[in-house]
Protein backbone atom coordinates (compact mmCIF):
# COMPACT_ATOMS: atom_id res chain seq x y z
CA MET A 1 0.00 0.00 0.00
CA ILE A 2 1.30 3.48 -0.85
CA VAL A 3 1.60 5.59 2.29
CA CYS A 4 3.34 8.66 0.86
CA VAL A 5 3.91 10.31 -2.53
CA ALA A 6 6.34 13.13 -3.15
CA VAL A 7 7.28 15.21 -6.18
CA VAL A 8 10.64 16.90 -5.79
CA GLY A 9 12.11 19.53 -8.12
CA HIS A 10 15.45 19.36 -9.86
CA GLN A 11 17.11 21.31 -7.03
CA ASN A 12 15.61 18.95 -4.42
CA ASN A 13 12.92 21.46 -3.60
CA PRO A 14 9.64 19.79 -2.54
CA LEU A 15 6.87 20.50 -5.05
CA TYR A 16 4.25 18.18 -3.57
CA ILE A 17 4.15 15.72 -0.71
CA GLN A 18 1.14 13.79 0.53
CA SER A 19 0.94 11.21 3.29
CA PHE A 20 -1.90 8.72 3.48
CA THR A 21 -1.45 7.72 7.11
CA ASP A 22 -2.02 9.13 10.57
CA ALA A 23 -0.73 12.62 11.21
CA ASP A 24 1.82 11.16 13.63
CA ASP A 25 3.52 9.28 10.79
CA ALA A 26 3.58 12.23 8.37
CA LEU A 27 6.77 13.75 9.76
CA LYS A 28 8.49 10.36 9.76
CA LEU A 29 7.50 9.81 6.11
CA HIS A 30 8.73 13.27 5.12
CA HIS A 31 12.06 12.41 6.71
CA ILE A 32 12.22 9.11 4.80
CA VAL A 33 11.52 10.95 1.52
CA HIS A 34 14.27 13.46 2.33
CA CYS A 35 16.77 10.66 3.06
CA SER A 36 15.93 8.94 -0.21
CA LEU A 37 16.98 12.06 -2.15
CA ASP A 38 20.59 11.38 -1.18
CA VAL A 39 20.30 7.96 -2.81
CA VAL A 40 18.81 9.50 -5.97
CA ASP A 41 21.69 11.97 -6.18
CA GLU A 42 24.21 9.18 -5.66
CA ARG A 43 22.70 7.06 -8.46
CA VAL A 44 22.42 9.98 -10.87
CA ASN A 45 25.94 11.27 -10.19
CA ASN A 46 27.53 7.78 -10.35
CA PRO A 47 25.65 6.04 -13.18
CA LYS A 48 28.35 3.38 -13.69
CA LYS A 49 27.71 1.98 -10.21
CA SER A 50 23.93 1.65 -10.04
CA GLY A 51 22.30 4.60 -11.75
CA PRO A 52 19.73 4.65 -14.54
CA THR A 53 20.64 4.53 -18.20
CA LEU A 54 19.73 7.51 -20.36
CA ASN A 55 16.36 5.98 -21.25
CA GLU A 56 15.59 4.62 -17.80
CA THR A 57 13.41 6.68 -15.48
CA PHE A 58 12.72 4.03 -12.85
CA LEU A 59 15.40 4.19 -10.16
CA GLY A 60 14.20 1.14 -8.26
CA LEU A 61 14.32 0.60 -4.55
CA LEU A 62 16.01 3.63 -3.03
CA TYR A 63 15.71 3.33 0.69
CA PRO A 64 14.39 0.30 2.56
CA THR A 65 13.48 0.71 6.22
CA GLU A 66 12.05 -1.71 8.74
CA ASN A 67 8.46 -0.76 7.86
CA TYR A 68 8.67 0.87 4.42
CA ASN A 69 10.21 0.61 0.99
CA VAL A 70 10.95 3.76 -0.98
CA TYR A 71 10.96 3.74 -4.80
CA GLY A 72 11.96 6.51 -7.16
CA TYR A 73 11.42 7.80 -10.68
CA LEU A 74 13.44 10.52 -12.37
CA THR A 75 12.10 12.55 -15.30
CA ASN A 76 14.23 13.96 -18.10
CA THR A 77 13.87 17.40 -16.44
CA LYS A 78 15.34 15.95 -13.21
CA VAL A 79 12.02 16.07 -11.32
CA LYS A 80 11.83 13.16 -8.89
CA PHE A 81 8.79 11.09 -7.97
CA ILE A 82 9.16 9.26 -4.66
CA LEU A 83 6.78 6.50 -3.48
CA VAL A 84 6.82 5.14 0.05
CA THR A 85 5.06 1.79 0.42
CA THR A 86 4.36 -0.67 3.19
CA ASP A 87 4.67 -3.58 0.75
CA LEU A 88 7.98 -5.01 1.89
CA ASP A 89 7.82 -8.09 -0.34
CA VAL A 90 7.37 -6.25 -3.66
CA ARG A 91 10.17 -6.64 -6.19
CA ASP A 92 11.59 -3.82 -8.33
CA ALA A 93 10.29 -5.60 -11.43
CA ASP A 94 6.72 -5.46 -10.10
CA VAL A 95 6.92 -1.71 -9.54
CA ARG A 96 8.60 -1.19 -12.93
CA ASN A 97 5.86 -3.21 -14.68
CA ALA A 98 3.14 -1.17 -12.95
CA HIS A 99 4.86 2.00 -14.20
CA HIS A 100 5.03 0.69 -17.79
CA LYS A 101 1.38 -0.44 -17.72
CA GLN A 102 0.36 3.01 -16.47
CA ASN A 103 2.27 4.69 -19.32
CA GLN A 104 0.69 2.39 -21.93
CA HIS A 105 -2.79 3.47 -20.82
CA HIS A 106 -1.90 7.13 -21.36
CA VAL A 107 -0.53 6.68 -24.89
């Protein structure tokens, strides 16, 4: 289940963040999103290690915690989409396939 969605600008400025849990968890989720931005920067700045290819927008699992998994997407304008989920047993391929199915419906 998705518990938080964030859209972050190319200079890591938050454009939109929405939590879908209790208010007590919102601050914790905002912190998790912020921490995942370091991982995005690392993957983008060091593409030979684990970063996306030029045509790849899905960054995969960014930041696993005890209760959440954080996934990321990067647009060609360097805007980042961050998803925080409680589905700890989901594989990167499942999230990637959901992204591709979503894009096919919009074409």
